[in-house]
Every structure is written in structure tokens, then in C-alpha cells.
Amino acid sequence: MVNLTVTGGSVILQSPVLPVMEGDDVTLLCKTKTTPSNLPAAFYKDGSLIRKQPTGHMTIQHVSRSDEGLYKCDISGHGESPSSWITVTGRPTTTTSPTTSTNMPPTSALSPYSTTLHLVIRVVCHVVVFCPYFISTFIVVSLYRLRAKENDPTIPMATATNAEQRLCEDYDDIGAVTSEHQF
């Protein structure tokens, strides 16, 4: 349970923050900031005295909608706490449907059809998402490869062969010029 501590003066009222379910017990705690917390306190709802408690805490058992309201407490000689609103909500009702021959079939009878339909819808969604992605990726890669081939200045092999031939001829000329010296 989450409690709200409302402080404004020297007296503090602790009460639930969240709405309380009908039938639950609610404890309100009235204490001071400075002295021990077991002082007698008077509890009020919507400005009217509910009861005085010798220990500073009050439990409302089996709350109902009529317990919803603005609560505060007063410790004699110390003052009054700021007010705190307590909300009471109804319990969720569970109703059982009558068993007649016009009832829908049990959910287990619908399960295979709904599971198959769910699977088909899921596959179609994946295909619808995947196909455009795959096609666009294929087109982008193809365009990239085509553009890379157009921009590649390839040197023909014939040019390389002619250059090699000229180098070989130059070396032949160098080899033909030899000098022989005798001493």
C-alpha cells in the first residue's frame, strides 16, 4: 500500500494515496513531527468528528463508498493536520454467463482457426515489408556496380604489350654494345 503524508504544520496525517477497494481495511495515522507518535488524536471526515483514538491511528474496516471523503486529524495541544482525500472504488464484478445452447463455442474450438489466420496475416505483413526492401537493395547494388564499371579507366592489354616490346628492344641494343679491353 502506498501512503500519502500530508504535512503543513506540526501534525501529520498518513493515508492511502491510491484508491482503496470496497471491503478493504484502511488505516489512518496521525502523528506530530517532534514528539512521539502515540499521542491521542481525533479523526474527522468532511469536517465531522468520527472518533477519538488513544494511540493516534484509526482503522476503518471493510470500507464502502460512503467512507470516501476528506479526512483530517487533530492532536490536542499540537494542532490539526491538513486534509487528505480518500477515494473508494468498487470491486471488479465477475459475472458468469448462463449455459444455454445458444452460447458461442468455447475458445479452444476457435483457437486453430484464429491461430492460422494470425499466422497468415503475420506472414503477409513480413512479405509486404521484406519485398520492397529486398528489391530496392538489389537495385541500389546493381546501380552501384554499373556506375563503378563506367568510371573504371581500364588500360588495354595491347598497350602494355607494346611497352614491353619497346623495353626488350632497348635492352637488346644495350647488349649489342660491348667493349673488350685488353691490358
Protein backbone atom coordinates (compact mmCIF):
# COMPACT_ATOMS: atom_id res chain seq x y z
CA MET A 1 0.00 0.00 0.00
CA VAL A 2 1.27 3.49 -0.87
CA ASN A 3 0.66 6.12 1.81
CA LEU A 4 0.48 9.86 1.45
CA THR A 5 1.97 12.02 4.18
CA VAL A 6 0.36 15.45 4.20
CA THR A 7 2.44 17.99 6.08
CA GLY A 8 1.64 21.62 6.59
CA GLY A 9 2.05 22.21 10.27
CA SER A 10 3.33 20.16 13.16
CA VAL A 11 0.64 17.44 12.78
CA ILE A 12 0.86 14.84 10.00
CA LEU A 13 -1.90 12.59 8.61
CA GLN A 14 -0.77 9.48 6.73
CA SER A 15 -3.41 8.00 4.43
CA PRO A 16 -3.52 5.85 1.25
CA VAL A 17 -2.60 7.66 -1.97
CA LEU A 18 -4.22 5.22 -4.38
CA PRO A 19 -7.94 4.47 -4.39
CA VAL A 20 -9.00 1.85 -1.85
CA MET A 21 -11.15 -1.13 -2.89
CA GLU A 22 -14.50 -1.63 -1.26
CA GLY A 23 -14.21 -4.19 1.53
CA ASP A 24 -10.55 -3.42 2.31
CA ASP A 25 -9.35 -2.06 5.64
CA VAL A 26 -7.81 1.44 5.72
CA THR A 27 -5.51 2.69 8.48
CA LEU A 28 -5.01 6.40 9.08
CA LEU A 29 -2.04 7.50 11.19
CA CYS A 30 -1.96 10.86 12.97
CA LYS A 31 1.37 11.97 14.43
CA THR A 32 3.47 15.01 15.19
CA LYS A 33 6.82 15.92 13.70
CA THR A 34 8.55 16.42 17.04
CA THR A 35 7.02 14.27 19.79
CA PRO A 36 6.37 10.51 19.97
CA SER A 37 3.63 9.28 17.63
CA ASN A 38 1.46 7.52 20.20
CA LEU A 39 -0.47 10.64 21.23
CA PRO A 40 -4.29 10.57 21.35
CA ALA A 41 -5.89 12.00 18.20
CA ALA A 42 -9.35 12.96 16.98
CA PHE A 43 -10.21 11.95 13.40
CA TYR A 44 -12.59 13.92 11.17
CA LYS A 45 -14.33 13.12 7.89
CA ASP A 46 -15.73 16.02 5.87
CA GLY A 47 -15.41 18.27 8.93
CA SER A 48 -17.37 15.99 11.31
CA LEU A 49 -15.76 14.12 14.20
CA ILE A 50 -15.65 10.36 13.56
CA ARG A 51 -13.92 9.24 16.75
CA LYS A 52 -11.05 9.85 19.12
CA GLN A 53 -8.27 7.28 19.29
CA PRO A 54 -5.84 6.93 22.21
CA THR A 55 -2.87 5.80 20.07
CA GLY A 56 -3.05 8.18 17.08
CA HIS A 57 -4.12 5.65 14.49
CA MET A 58 -7.56 4.66 13.28
CA THR A 59 -8.56 1.70 11.13
CA ILE A 60 -11.71 1.81 9.03
CA GLN A 61 -12.71 -1.81 8.48
CA HIS A 62 -14.44 -3.00 5.32
CA VAL A 63 -14.61 0.41 3.65
CA SER A 64 -17.53 1.26 1.41
CA ARG A 65 -18.33 4.12 -0.94
CA SER A 66 -19.80 6.04 1.98
CA ASP A 67 -16.32 6.15 3.58
CA GLU A 68 -14.96 8.20 0.67
CA GLY A 69 -14.21 11.78 1.66
CA LEU A 70 -11.88 14.40 3.10
CA TYR A 71 -10.09 13.26 6.27
CA LYS A 72 -8.03 15.16 8.82
CA CYS A 73 -6.87 14.64 12.39
CA ASP A 74 -6.29 16.77 15.47
CA ILE A 75 -3.83 16.19 18.31
CA SER A 76 -4.75 18.28 21.34
CA GLY A 77 -2.10 20.88 22.11
CA HIS A 78 -0.29 20.33 18.75
CA GLY A 79 -2.85 21.33 16.15
CA GLU A 80 -4.71 19.97 13.17
CA SER A 81 -3.35 18.19 10.10
CA PRO A 82 -4.05 19.28 6.53
CA SER A 83 -6.94 17.41 4.90
CA SER A 84 -6.40 14.33 2.73
CA TRP A 85 -8.92 12.86 0.25
CA ILE A 86 -9.58 9.11 0.34
CA THR A 87 -11.15 7.51 -2.73
CA VAL A 88 -13.03 4.21 -2.56
CA THR A 89 -13.54 2.17 -5.73
CA GLY A 90 -15.82 -0.77 -6.31
CA ARG A 91 -14.50 -4.28 -6.68
CA PRO A 92 -14.48 -5.62 -10.24
CA THR A 93 -17.51 -7.80 -10.74
CA THR A 94 -17.18 -11.18 -12.37
CA THR A 95 -20.32 -12.50 -13.95
CA THR A 96 -20.82 -15.98 -15.26
CA SER A 97 -22.86 -16.33 -18.39
CA PRO A 98 -25.74 -18.78 -18.32
CA THR A 99 -25.09 -22.08 -20.02
CA THR A 100 -27.56 -22.39 -22.86
CA SER A 101 -27.43 -23.98 -26.26
CA THR A 102 -27.11 -20.55 -27.96
CA ASN A 103 -23.73 -19.83 -26.37
CA MET A 104 -20.67 -19.36 -28.52
CA PRO A 105 -18.38 -22.37 -28.83
CA PRO A 106 -15.52 -22.49 -26.35
CA THR A 107 -12.40 -20.53 -27.22
CA SER A 108 -10.46 -23.74 -27.71
CA ALA A 109 -12.77 -24.57 -30.65
CA LEU A 110 -11.88 -21.23 -32.30
CA SER A 111 -8.22 -21.48 -31.50
CA PRO A 112 -6.90 -23.35 -34.58
CA TYR A 113 -8.70 -21.02 -37.00
CA SER A 114 -7.65 -17.84 -35.21
CA THR A 115 -4.08 -19.12 -34.86
CA THR A 116 -3.90 -19.93 -38.58
CA LEU A 117 -5.42 -16.59 -39.51
CA HIS A 118 -2.98 -14.81 -37.22
CA LEU A 119 -0.07 -16.70 -38.79
CA VAL A 120 -1.21 -15.87 -42.34
CA ILE A 121 -1.60 -12.19 -41.50
CA ARG A 122 1.82 -12.15 -39.90
CA VAL A 123 3.48 -13.79 -42.93
CA VAL A 124 1.75 -11.38 -45.33
CA CYS A 125 2.94 -8.41 -43.26
CA HIS A 126 6.52 -9.70 -43.31
CA VAL A 127 6.41 -10.26 -47.07
CA VAL A 128 4.93 -6.81 -47.68
CA VAL A 129 7.74 -5.26 -45.64
CA PHE A 130 10.56 -7.50 -46.91
CA CYS A 131 9.85 -7.41 -50.68
CA PRO A 132 10.24 -3.64 -51.21
CA TYR A 133 13.33 -3.67 -49.01
CA PHE A 134 14.89 -6.54 -50.96
CA ILE A 135 14.00 -5.07 -54.38
CA SER A 136 15.30 -1.60 -53.52
CA THR A 137 18.52 -3.05 -52.09
CA PHE A 138 19.05 -5.13 -55.25
CA ILE A 139 18.50 -2.08 -57.48
CA VAL A 140 20.89 0.10 -55.46
CA VAL A 141 23.63 -2.55 -55.51
CA SER A 142 23.18 -3.08 -59.28
CA LEU A 143 23.39 0.66 -59.97
CA TYR A 144 26.48 0.94 -57.80
CA ARG A 145 28.24 -1.87 -59.65
CA LEU A 146 27.23 -0.43 -63.06
CA ARG A 147 28.48 3.04 -62.13
CA ALA A 148 31.74 1.57 -60.80
CA LYS A 149 32.36 -0.16 -64.16
CA GLU A 150 31.69 3.06 -66.13
CA ASN A 151 34.15 5.08 -64.05
CA ASP A 152 36.96 2.47 -64.14
CA PRO A 153 39.65 3.54 -66.71
CA THR A 154 40.93 0.13 -67.74
CA ILE A 155 44.24 0.10 -69.70
CA PRO A 156 44.03 -2.27 -72.65
CA MET A 157 46.45 -5.18 -72.65
CA ALA A 158 47.76 -4.27 -76.12
CA THR A 159 49.25 -1.08 -74.76
CA ALA A 160 51.03 -2.96 -72.02
CA THR A 161 52.40 -5.45 -74.56
CA ASN A 162 53.77 -2.68 -76.84
CA ALA A 163 55.54 -1.09 -73.91
CA GLU A 164 57.09 -4.41 -73.01
CA GLN A 165 58.31 -4.89 -76.58
CA ARG A 166 60.00 -1.49 -76.62
CA LEU A 167 61.75 -2.27 -73.34
CA CYS A 168 63.03 -5.55 -74.71
CA GLU A 169 64.36 -3.84 -77.86
CA ASP A 170 66.16 -1.24 -75.75
CA TYR A 171 67.86 -3.97 -73.76
CA ASP A 172 68.92 -5.72 -76.99
CA ASP A 173 70.68 -2.54 -78.11
CA ILE A 174 72.49 -2.28 -74.81
CA GLY A 175 73.62 -5.88 -75.02
CA ALA A 176 74.98 -5.38 -78.58
CA VAL A 177 77.30 -2.62 -77.50
CA THR A 178 80.06 -4.29 -75.59
CA SER A 179 83.65 -3.27 -75.41
CA GLU A 180 86.52 -5.55 -74.95
CA HIS A 181 89.65 -4.19 -73.34
CA GLN A 182 93.00 -5.94 -73.24
CA PHE A 183 95.76 -5.00 -70.81
